[in-house]
Protein backbone atom coordinates (compact mmCIF):
# COMPACT_ATOMS: atom_id res chain seq x y z
CA UNK A 1 -32.61 -20.25 -69.59
CA UNK A 2 -32.41 -23.29 -67.32
CA UNK A 3 -28.68 -22.76 -66.85
CA UNK A 4 -29.32 -19.14 -65.84
CA UNK A 5 -31.90 -20.21 -63.25
CA UNK A 6 -29.46 -22.76 -61.77
CA UNK A 7 -26.67 -20.15 -61.58
CA UNK A 8 -29.03 -17.61 -59.99
CA UNK A 9 -30.15 -20.15 -57.39
CA UNK A 10 -26.54 -20.99 -56.60
CA UNK A 11 -25.74 -17.31 -56.14
CA UNK A 12 -28.74 -16.88 -53.83
CA UNK A 13 -27.73 -19.93 -51.73
CA UNK A 14 -24.12 -18.70 -51.50
CA UNK A 15 -25.28 -15.21 -50.52
CA UNK A 16 -27.62 -16.61 -47.85
CA UNK A 17 -24.81 -18.71 -46.45
CA UNK A 18 -22.51 -15.70 -46.38
CA UNK A 19 -25.12 -13.60 -44.55
CA UNK A 20 -25.73 -16.42 -42.05
CA UNK A 21 -21.98 -16.74 -41.47
CA UNK A 22 -21.73 -12.99 -40.93
CA UNK A 23 -24.51 -13.02 -38.32
CA UNK A 24 -22.89 -16.05 -36.62
CA UNK A 25 -19.56 -14.19 -36.46
CA UNK A 26 -21.12 -11.01 -35.07
CA UNK A 27 -23.04 -12.99 -32.46
CA UNK A 28 -19.92 -14.75 -31.14
CA UNK A 29 -18.69 -13.84 -27.63
CA UNK A 30 -15.86 -11.31 -27.78
CA UNK A 31 -12.59 -12.82 -26.51
CA UNK A 32 -11.25 -11.33 -23.27
CA UNK A 33 -8.25 -9.76 -24.98
CA UNK A 34 -10.29 -8.01 -27.71
CA UNK A 35 -11.50 -4.62 -26.53
CA UNK A 36 -13.63 -1.90 -28.13
CA UNK A 37 -11.74 0.92 -29.80
CA UNK A 38 -12.28 4.59 -29.10
CA UNK A 39 -11.65 7.51 -31.46
CA UNK A 40 -7.97 8.32 -31.87
CA UNK A 41 -6.77 5.14 -30.19
CA UNK A 42 -6.63 2.63 -33.01
CA UNK A 43 -2.97 1.80 -32.53
CA UNK A 44 -3.11 -1.93 -31.95
CA UNK A 45 0.08 -3.84 -32.81
CA UNK A 46 0.41 -5.14 -36.37
CA UNK A 47 2.77 -8.01 -35.64
CA UNK A 48 4.12 -10.24 -32.92
CA UNK A 49 7.30 -9.62 -30.98
CA UNK A 50 10.63 -10.37 -32.63
CA UNK A 51 13.18 -11.30 -29.98
CA UNK A 52 13.12 -9.52 -26.62
CA UNK A 53 13.47 -5.93 -27.85
CA UNK A 54 10.41 -4.07 -26.59
CA UNK A 55 9.11 -0.61 -27.44
CA UNK A 56 8.10 0.05 -23.86
CA UNK A 57 4.77 1.83 -23.45
CA UNK A 58 4.03 1.99 -27.18
CA UNK A 59 0.37 0.96 -27.15
CA UNK A 60 -2.56 2.44 -25.28
CA UNK A 61 -6.32 2.04 -25.13
CA UNK A 62 -8.86 3.86 -23.02
CA UNK A 63 -12.27 2.46 -22.08
CA UNK A 64 -13.83 4.71 -19.45
CA UNK A 65 -13.29 7.63 -17.08
CA UNK A 66 -15.92 6.44 -14.61
CA UNK A 67 -14.91 5.12 -11.19
CA UNK A 68 -15.93 5.72 -7.59
CA UNK A 69 -13.98 8.78 -6.38
CA UNK A 70 -15.31 8.30 -2.84
CA UNK A 71 -13.00 5.30 -2.39
CA UNK A 72 -9.79 6.73 -0.96
CA UNK A 73 -8.00 3.66 0.43
CA UNK A 74 -4.49 2.73 -0.64
CA UNK A 75 -2.49 -0.44 -1.00
CA UNK A 76 0.01 1.35 -3.16
CA UNK A 77 2.70 -1.27 -3.68
CA UNK A 78 3.95 -4.74 -2.76
CA UNK A 79 3.24 -5.29 0.97
CA UNK A 80 1.41 -1.94 1.19
CA UNK A 81 2.65 1.61 1.58
CA UNK A 82 4.74 0.91 4.71
CA UNK A 83 6.02 -2.51 3.50
CA UNK A 84 4.55 -4.24 6.58
CA UNK A 85 1.87 -6.29 4.78
CA UNK A 86 -0.55 -5.05 7.45
CA UNK A 87 -3.62 -3.03 6.48
CA UNK A 88 -4.16 -0.26 9.04
CA UNK A 89 -6.73 1.89 7.25
CA UNK A 90 -9.23 1.63 10.12
CA UNK A 91 -12.06 0.06 8.08
CA UNK A 92 -13.92 -2.47 10.31
CA UNK A 93 -14.04 -5.91 8.73
CA UNK A 94 -16.59 -8.63 9.44
CA UNK A 95 -15.76 -11.19 12.13
CA UNK A 96 -17.90 -13.85 10.43
CA UNK A 97 -18.90 -14.86 6.93
CA UNK A 98 -22.24 -16.21 5.71
CA UNK A 99 -22.40 -19.84 4.63
CA UNK A 100 -21.86 -18.75 1.06
CA UNK A 101 -18.62 -17.04 2.04
CA UNK A 102 -17.57 -13.41 1.55
CA UNK A 103 -19.33 -11.81 -1.36
CA UNK A 104 -17.48 -11.64 -4.67
CA UNK A 105 -17.98 -8.10 -5.95
CA UNK A 106 -16.39 -8.66 -9.36
CA UNK A 107 -13.89 -10.82 -11.22
CA UNK A 108 -11.61 -10.48 -14.23
CA UNK A 109 -9.97 -13.07 -16.43
CA UNK A 110 -6.18 -12.70 -16.36
CA UNK A 111 -3.27 -13.97 -18.39
CA UNK A 112 -1.52 -16.94 -16.81
CA UNK A 113 0.65 -15.80 -13.92
CA UNK A 114 0.90 -14.48 -10.39
CA UNK A 115 1.06 -10.69 -10.82
CA UNK A 116 -0.98 -9.05 -8.08
CA UNK A 117 -2.73 -5.75 -7.61
CA UNK A 118 -1.93 -2.36 -6.19
CA UNK A 119 -4.90 -0.23 -5.09
CA UNK A 120 -4.92 3.55 -5.16
CA UNK A 121 -7.96 5.74 -4.44
CA UNK A 122 -10.65 3.82 -6.26
CA UNK A 123 -8.41 2.22 -8.89
CA UNK A 124 -6.76 -1.19 -9.20
CA UNK A 125 -3.47 -1.53 -11.09
CA UNK A 126 -2.08 -4.87 -12.28
CA UNK A 127 0.63 -5.79 -14.80
CA UNK A 128 -0.94 -8.63 -16.75
CA UNK A 129 0.60 -10.72 -19.51
CA UNK A 130 -1.86 -11.33 -22.36
CA UNK A 131 -0.63 -14.22 -24.48
CA UNK A 132 -2.79 -13.36 -27.48
CA UNK A 133 -1.12 -9.95 -27.71
CA UNK A 134 2.30 -11.24 -26.67
CA UNK A 135 2.43 -8.26 -24.35
CA UNK A 136 3.01 -6.99 -20.84
CA UNK A 137 -0.16 -5.00 -20.19
CA UNK A 138 -0.65 -2.52 -17.36
CA UNK A 139 -4.39 -2.67 -16.75
CA UNK A 140 -6.27 -0.14 -14.64
CA UNK A 141 -9.68 -1.16 -13.22
CA UNK A 142 -12.38 0.47 -11.13
CA UNK A 143 -12.17 -0.87 -7.59
CA UNK A 144 -15.93 -0.49 -7.12
CA UNK A 145 -17.13 -2.76 -9.93
CA UNK A 146 -14.07 -4.04 -11.81
CA UNK A 147 -14.67 -2.46 -15.20
CA UNK A 148 -11.46 -1.61 -17.06
CA UNK A 149 -10.58 2.08 -17.32
CA UNK A 150 -7.50 1.88 -19.54
CA UNK A 151 -4.51 -0.24 -20.46
CA UNK A 152 -1.00 0.46 -21.71
CA UNK A 153 1.22 -2.25 -23.13
CA UNK A 154 4.28 -3.27 -25.11
CA UNK A 155 5.10 -6.42 -27.03
CA UNK A 156 7.56 -8.88 -25.51
CA UNK A 157 7.66 -12.61 -26.05
CA UNK A 158 7.42 -14.42 -22.71
CA UNK A 159 7.18 -18.21 -22.72
CA UNK A 160 5.18 -20.09 -20.09
CA UNK A 161 7.38 -20.96 -17.09
CA UNK A 162 5.16 -21.59 -14.07
CA UNK A 163 3.03 -18.75 -15.44
CA UNK A 164 4.43 -15.53 -16.85
CA UNK A 165 3.56 -12.41 -14.86
CA UNK A 166 5.01 -11.99 -11.35
CA UNK A 167 5.13 -8.48 -9.91
CA UNK A 168 3.04 -5.80 -8.16
CA UNK A 169 3.04 -2.20 -9.50
CA UNK A 170 3.98 0.78 -7.32
CA UNK A 171 1.55 3.71 -7.50
CA UNK A 172 1.20 7.25 -6.12
CA UNK A 173 -0.66 10.42 -7.09
CA UNK A 174 1.59 11.01 -10.08
CA UNK A 175 2.88 7.71 -11.45
CA UNK A 176 2.42 3.97 -11.71
CA UNK A 177 5.58 1.89 -12.20
CA UNK A 178 5.88 -1.74 -13.31
CA UNK A 179 8.61 -4.33 -13.86
CA UNK A 180 7.78 -6.99 -16.44
CA UNK A 181 8.88 -10.65 -16.48
CA UNK A 182 11.89 -9.82 -18.68
CA UNK A 183 13.03 -6.74 -16.73
CA UNK A 184 11.29 -4.01 -18.73
CA UNK A 185 10.42 -1.08 -16.45
CA UNK A 186 7.50 1.15 -17.45
CA UNK A 187 6.36 4.38 -15.79
CA UNK A 188 3.03 6.02 -16.67
CA UNK A 189 0.79 8.77 -15.38
CA UNK A 190 -1.36 7.04 -12.76
CA UNK A 191 -4.36 9.27 -13.49
CA UNK A 192 -4.70 8.63 -17.22
CA UNK A 193 -2.10 6.06 -18.31
CA UNK A 194 0.03 8.58 -20.22
CA UNK A 195 3.48 7.17 -20.94
CA UNK A 196 6.36 8.86 -19.09
CA UNK A 197 9.45 6.67 -19.49
CA UNK A 198 10.75 3.13 -19.77
CA UNK A 199 13.99 1.24 -19.15
CA UNK A 200 15.06 -2.21 -20.26
CA UNK A 201 17.26 -3.30 -17.34
CA UNK A 202 18.96 -5.99 -19.44
CA UNK A 203 19.92 -3.57 -22.20
CA UNK A 204 20.73 -0.61 -19.93
CA UNK A 205 22.47 -2.31 -16.99
CA UNK A 206 23.30 -5.81 -18.15
CA UNK A 207 20.87 -7.39 -15.69
CA UNK A 208 20.41 -11.14 -15.79
CA UNK A 209 16.75 -12.22 -15.90
CA UNK A 210 16.25 -14.58 -12.95
CA UNK A 211 15.07 -18.14 -13.45
CA UNK A 212 11.23 -18.10 -13.69
CA UNK A 213 11.42 -14.40 -14.63
CA UNK A 214 11.54 -11.22 -12.60
CA UNK A 215 9.89 -11.28 -9.18
CA UNK A 216 11.22 -7.93 -7.97
CA UNK A 217 8.46 -5.37 -7.37
CA UNK A 218 9.30 -1.68 -7.94
CA UNK A 219 9.56 0.73 -5.02
CA UNK A 220 8.48 4.38 -5.01
CA UNK A 221 10.10 6.32 -2.16
CA UNK A 222 9.16 10.00 -2.18
CA UNK A 223 9.91 11.31 -5.67
CA UNK A 224 12.23 8.43 -6.60
CA UNK A 225 11.67 5.02 -8.14
CA UNK A 226 14.15 2.60 -6.56
CA UNK A 227 15.21 -0.49 -8.52
CA UNK A 228 17.82 -3.21 -8.13
CA UNK A 229 19.12 -4.02 -11.64
CA UNK A 230 22.02 -6.01 -10.11
CA UNK A 231 23.78 -5.54 -13.42
CA UNK A 232 27.44 -5.50 -14.41
CA UNK A 233 28.24 -2.22 -12.66
CA UNK A 234 25.07 -1.14 -10.83
CA UNK A 235 23.48 -2.97 -7.91
CA UNK A 236 20.74 -0.43 -7.16
CA UNK A 237 19.58 2.85 -8.66
CA UNK A 238 17.24 5.74 -7.89
CA UNK A 239 15.32 7.37 -10.75
CA UNK A 240 13.19 10.50 -10.72
CA UNK A 241 9.63 9.20 -10.91
CA UNK A 242 8.29 11.78 -13.33
CA UNK A 243 11.22 12.57 -15.62
CA UNK A 244 13.05 9.23 -15.63
CA UNK A 245 16.36 10.97 -14.82
CA UNK A 246 18.87 8.83 -12.94
CA UNK A 247 19.41 10.35 -9.48
CA UNK A 248 22.00 7.95 -8.09
CA UNK A 249 23.64 4.59 -8.69
CA UNK A 250 25.05 2.00 -6.32
CA UNK A 251 28.12 0.13 -7.58
CA UNK A 252 28.12 -3.65 -7.78
CA UNK A 253 31.76 -4.57 -7.10
CA UNK A 254 30.98 -8.18 -6.18
CA UNK A 255 28.92 -8.82 -9.32
CA UNK A 256 25.76 -9.84 -7.45
CA UNK A 257 22.79 -10.89 -9.60
CA UNK A 258 19.10 -10.03 -9.50
CA UNK A 259 16.95 -12.23 -7.27
CA UNK A 260 13.16 -12.58 -7.00
CA UNK A 261 13.22 -10.57 -3.76
CA UNK A 262 12.13 -6.92 -3.53
CA UNK A 263 13.79 -3.90 -1.93
CA UNK A 264 12.46 -3.06 1.54
CA UNK A 265 13.02 0.36 3.22
CA UNK A 266 14.31 0.11 6.79
CA UNK A 267 15.65 2.50 9.42
CA UNK A 268 18.50 1.63 11.77
CA UNK A 269 19.69 4.02 14.45
CA UNK A 270 17.94 6.89 12.67
CA UNK A 271 19.49 6.15 9.27
CA UNK A 272 17.17 5.28 6.39
CA UNK A 273 18.32 2.55 4.05
CA UNK A 274 17.14 0.13 1.36
CA UNK A 275 17.76 -3.54 2.18
CA UNK A 276 17.96 -6.03 -0.68
CA UNK A 277 18.61 -9.79 -0.86
CA UNK A 278 20.48 -10.35 -4.12
CA UNK A 279 21.95 -13.51 -5.56
CA UNK A 280 25.30 -13.16 -3.86
CA UNK A 281 24.39 -11.55 -0.56
CA UNK A 282 22.38 -9.00 1.38
CA UNK A 283 23.10 -5.27 1.31
CA UNK A 284 21.96 -2.09 3.02
CA UNK A 285 22.04 0.97 0.74
CA UNK A 286 21.67 4.51 2.08
CA UNK A 287 18.33 6.22 1.47
CA UNK A 288 19.41 9.49 3.07
CA UNK A 289 19.39 12.57 0.78
CA UNK A 290 23.03 13.37 1.41
CA UNK A 291 24.47 9.97 0.48
CA UNK A 292 21.67 8.12 -1.31
CA UNK A 293 22.99 5.04 -3.07
CA UNK A 294 26.01 4.56 -0.83
CA UNK A 295 26.71 1.00 0.31
CA UNK A 296 26.36 1.02 4.10
CA UNK A 297 26.88 -2.68 4.68
CA UNK A 298 27.10 -5.97 2.83
CA UNK A 299 26.92 -9.59 3.93
CA UNK A 300 27.81 -12.47 1.62
CA UNK A 301 27.90 -15.10 4.38
CA UNK A 302 24.34 -16.18 3.49
CA UNK A 303 23.85 -16.39 -0.26
CA UNK A 304 21.07 -18.64 -1.61
CA UNK A 305 21.00 -19.25 -5.35
CA UNK A 306 17.23 -18.68 -5.32
CA UNK A 307 15.58 -16.19 -2.96
CA UNK A 308 12.02 -14.90 -3.30
CA UNK A 309 10.91 -13.59 0.14
CA UNK A 310 11.86 -10.04 0.99
CA UNK A 311 13.89 -9.23 4.12
CA UNK A 312 12.08 -8.36 7.35
CA UNK A 313 13.30 -5.79 9.88
CA UNK A 314 13.19 -7.02 13.46
CA UNK A 315 13.69 -5.18 16.77
CA UNK A 316 17.14 -4.47 18.23
CA UNK A 317 18.85 -3.85 14.89
CA UNK A 318 18.19 -7.30 13.44
CA UNK A 319 17.15 -8.44 9.96
CA UNK A 320 15.43 -11.73 9.09
CA UNK A 321 16.14 -13.21 5.65
CA UNK A 322 14.87 -16.49 4.26
CA UNK A 323 14.66 -18.60 1.10
CA UNK A 324 13.24 -21.88 -0.10
CA UNK A 325 14.90 -24.92 -1.71
CA UNK A 326 16.56 -25.97 1.53
CA UNK A 327 18.37 -22.69 2.23
CA UNK A 328 16.40 -21.96 5.40
CA UNK A 329 16.87 -18.59 7.11
CA UNK A 330 19.32 -16.27 8.79
CA UNK A 331 19.32 -13.51 11.41
CA UNK A 332 21.63 -10.56 10.81
CA UNK A 333 22.66 -7.98 13.39
CA UNK A 334 23.20 -4.47 12.01
CA UNK A 335 25.69 -2.47 14.07
CA UNK A 336 26.26 1.28 13.85
CA UNK A 337 29.91 1.80 14.74
CA UNK A 338 31.30 4.82 16.60
CA UNK A 339 32.94 6.10 13.41
CA UNK A 340 29.53 6.30 11.70
CA UNK A 341 29.93 3.18 9.57
CA UNK A 342 27.62 0.16 9.61
CA UNK A 343 28.46 -3.50 9.90
CA UNK A 344 26.32 -6.62 9.38
CA UNK A 345 27.05 -9.89 11.15
CA UNK A 346 25.30 -13.25 10.99
CA UNK A 347 23.87 -14.02 14.43
CA UNK A 348 22.70 -17.49 13.46
CA UNK A 349 21.53 -19.44 10.43
CA UNK A 350 18.98 -22.27 10.36
CA UNK A 351 17.89 -25.04 8.05
CA UNK A 352 14.14 -25.33 7.27
CA UNK A 353 13.51 -27.94 9.96
CA UNK A 354 15.18 -25.94 12.72
CA UNK A 355 13.36 -22.61 12.64
CA UNK A 356 11.01 -20.30 10.80
CA UNK A 357 11.70 -20.05 7.09
CA UNK A 358 9.56 -19.31 4.05
CA UNK A 359 9.80 -20.33 0.42
CA UNK A 360 7.84 -17.84 -1.65
CA UNK A 361 5.92 -15.30 0.45
CA UNK A 362 7.44 -12.79 2.88
CA UNK A 363 7.06 -12.75 6.67
CA UNK A 364 4.95 -10.38 8.79
CA UNK A 365 6.02 -8.79 12.08
CA UNK A 366 2.85 -8.34 14.11
CA UNK A 367 2.41 -7.85 17.87
CA UNK A 368 6.13 -8.43 18.40
CA UNK A 369 5.89 -11.85 16.74
CA UNK A 370 7.24 -12.81 13.31
CA UNK A 371 4.77 -14.90 11.30
CA UNK A 372 5.24 -17.04 8.24
CA UNK A 373 4.19 -20.26 6.51
CA UNK A 374 6.92 -22.88 6.73
CA UNK A 375 8.10 -24.49 3.47
CA UNK A 376 7.37 -28.00 2.27
CA UNK A 377 10.80 -29.23 3.39
CA UNK A 378 10.21 -28.23 7.04
CA UNK A 379 9.45 -31.78 8.15
CA UNK A 380 6.44 -32.16 10.45
CA UNK A 381 6.00 -28.38 10.45
CA UNK A 382 5.60 -28.14 6.68
CA UNK A 383 3.06 -25.64 5.35
CA UNK A 384 2.00 -24.56 8.85
CA UNK A 385 1.42 -20.93 9.78
CA UNK A 386 3.67 -20.19 12.74
CA UNK A 387 4.59 -17.21 14.88
CA UNK A 388 8.11 -17.04 16.29
CA UNK A 389 10.00 -14.92 18.80
CA UNK A 390 11.95 -12.30 16.79
CA UNK A 391 15.09 -12.84 18.85
CA UNK A 392 14.85 -16.61 18.55
CA UNK A 393 13.02 -17.76 15.42
CA UNK A 394 13.38 -21.40 16.52
CA UNK A 395 10.98 -20.70 19.40
CA UNK A 396 7.34 -20.73 18.27
CA UNK A 397 4.70 -18.76 20.09
CA UNK A 398 1.99 -20.07 17.77
CA UNK A 399 1.65 -22.95 15.30
CA UNK A 400 -1.47 -23.80 13.29
CA UNK A 401 -0.79 -27.53 13.68
CA UNK A 402 -0.90 -30.53 11.41
CA UNK A 403 -4.65 -30.22 10.84
CA UNK A 404 -4.31 -26.74 9.34
CA UNK A 405 -1.67 -26.54 6.64
CA UNK A 406 -1.32 -24.04 3.83
CA UNK A 407 0.70 -24.18 0.62
CA UNK A 408 2.69 -21.42 -1.06
CA UNK A 409 -0.17 -18.94 -1.01
CA UNK A 410 -0.10 -15.41 0.45
CA UNK A 411 -1.22 -14.09 3.82
CA UNK A 412 -1.97 -10.63 5.20
CA UNK A 413 -3.14 -8.92 8.39
CA UNK A 414 -6.10 -6.52 8.30
CA UNK A 415 -8.27 -5.18 11.13
CA UNK A 416 -6.42 -7.43 13.57
CA UNK A 417 -7.21 -10.61 11.64
CA UNK A 418 -5.07 -12.93 9.53
CA UNK A 419 -6.23 -13.83 6.02
CA UNK A 420 -4.43 -16.82 4.45
CA UNK A 421 -5.01 -18.01 0.88
CA UNK A 422 -3.99 -21.57 0.09
CA UNK A 423 -2.75 -22.85 -3.27
CA UNK A 424 -6.24 -23.77 -4.49
CA UNK A 425 -8.04 -20.54 -3.62
CA UNK A 426 -9.45 -21.24 -0.16
CA UNK A 427 -9.32 -18.14 2.03
CA UNK A 428 -9.10 -18.61 5.80
CA UNK A 429 -9.78 -15.80 8.29
CA UNK A 430 -8.19 -16.23 11.72
CA UNK A 431 -7.78 -14.41 14.97
CA UNK A 432 -4.43 -15.17 16.61
CA UNK A 433 -3.65 -14.14 20.17
CA UNK A 434 -0.51 -15.61 21.69
CA UNK A 435 -0.58 -19.38 21.37
CA UNK A 436 -4.28 -19.44 20.50
CA UNK A 437 -5.65 -19.30 16.99
CA UNK A 438 -9.35 -19.24 16.16
CA UNK A 439 -10.75 -19.78 12.66
CA UNK A 440 -13.43 -17.15 11.99
CA UNK A 441 -14.18 -18.33 8.48
CA UNK A 442 -12.86 -20.48 5.64
CA UNK A 443 -14.22 -20.49 2.11
CA UNK A 444 -13.15 -21.50 -1.38
CA UNK A 445 -13.12 -18.17 -3.21
CA UNK A 446 -11.61 -19.27 -6.52
CA UNK A 447 -11.96 -22.70 -8.07
CA UNK A 448 -8.46 -22.70 -9.51
CA UNK A 449 -4.82 -23.43 -8.74
CA UNK A 450 -1.53 -21.72 -7.87
CA UNK A 451 -3.20 -18.86 -6.01
CA UNK A 452 0.14 -17.28 -5.19
CA UNK A 453 -0.24 -13.58 -5.99
CA UNK A 454 0.12 -11.32 -2.90
CA UNK A 455 -3.13 -10.05 -1.38
CA UNK A 456 -4.17 -6.39 -1.39
CA UNK A 457 -6.71 -4.78 0.97
CA UNK A 458 -8.23 -1.29 0.90
CA UNK A 459 -11.66 0.24 1.51
CA UNK A 460 -12.91 -3.02 3.02
CA UNK A 461 -12.19 -4.90 -0.19
CA UNK A 462 -9.63 -7.60 -0.91
CA UNK A 463 -8.08 -8.33 -4.31
CA UNK A 464 -6.83 -11.89 -4.76
CA UNK A 465 -6.02 -14.13 -7.68
CA UNK A 466 -5.10 -17.59 -8.85
CA UNK A 467 -3.27 -18.58 -12.03
CA UNK A 468 -5.98 -17.31 -14.41
CA UNK A 469 -8.36 -14.91 -12.68
CA UNK A 470 -8.50 -12.00 -10.28
CA UNK A 471 -11.42 -11.34 -7.93
CA UNK A 472 -12.48 -8.62 -5.55
CA UNK A 473 -14.36 -9.59 -2.39
CA UNK A 474 -16.14 -7.65 0.33
CA UNK A 475 -14.56 -8.12 3.77
CA UNK A 476 -16.98 -5.81 5.59
CA UNK A 477 -20.24 -7.65 4.93
CA UNK A 478 -21.88 -4.28 4.24
CA UNK A 479 -21.13 -3.42 0.62
CA UNK A 480 -24.11 -3.36 -1.76
CA UNK A 481 -26.64 -4.83 0.59
CA UNK A 482 -24.57 -7.73 1.90
CA UNK A 483 -25.32 -6.72 5.49
CA UNK A 484 -28.68 -8.46 5.23
CA UNK A 485 -26.99 -11.58 3.85
CA UNK A 486 -24.56 -11.56 6.78
CA UNK A 487 -27.44 -11.38 9.26
CA UNK A 488 -29.13 -14.30 7.54
CA UNK A 489 -25.91 -16.29 7.82
CA UNK A 490 -25.77 -15.79 11.59
CA UNK A 491 -29.30 -17.15 12.19
């Protein structure tokens, strides 16, 4: 009898401990990467990635259909819909911030990296890398409050190398397109996340994944997705956005490799073209319907081994290209010959100390001045924001000076003001007119590091990020009652 009592007590104690452990487990905070399931969507991966082979678009999860349909602004791809990196949506932005800085509307934890957002009519799209899932994850958020609407992902093993994620999606009414760190391209329905098609550029074209992973952002031009695989036989290709059918291919006779730079549409003498800085040279590819994909001109005279900034069109048929790691910059002159052909010639090249050059971000042409942040090897001018004469990038109209230096962070123009984010998450708002620059506000938005992801602005909101988080801030001072806070800050 005594033995039975002891056994019963032991059972009761064990049961109580088990119940306590269960309640402790249920009361734990849910990790960021664990999300609630919905009926019919329990298709989470059963195992980790094996090698680099990815079943692109395999997994999907939906969370909500609710977002603010009244928000109609667009920042639909890298550098915005016109590739200028200038927001011209007409929304007035505040000329001053309260002492507490611009209001943070919402924030989201992100996988380690630099992938930035595209904004399209009330939604935010970002290609995250979630280490716990070993997956590239296209996440769609509500712009108004940051809650996640849906996500689609595929497993691919990406090791840490100065972060993992890099690129900005391209979005329109029909599709959202991404390029992952290891060159997997995914296209989904932008309204609901439905999978449309996917391409592994390494497997399909023989692309070489650049050092530190892919930095190329996809381009949507009309009904085509334009990519630069820079593979064994194909330099550039156009793909039907909805069906995934290949529309045209550009040969790669010189064997150029993929860089971190992105394709930029330009127009010279009435002829539309795609300009791309590859590892090996710079090329202009026809974007005209009749001869899309045709090589119009090539220039291998300037060929950095590492190039991240995208090319910038300048007046008078010129193109500015730049790279870090001591490669400096170059000005090309594009000539349209009498026989209809094009020719590209180097006007002049510069080392980083001689003239404007950039290491990671791309330049902005604004008010007939080309702006950029000089690299760390630019001598006394290192990390300064400068504005140069387009025809002579060694002549500076504006320089922020030694007291105001920035790192490798991004910058953007919106409502006539410059917004510059430094490496550690401090956002500076400036008004620049000629040689004069006035700081309108400067505030530490994120208490982090490596805040290198490009900025996105729409509907008076800015999306910015550092290595581990993404935040949305109000630039108007009027969203959700902040107008009163702004008035208090001016007293």
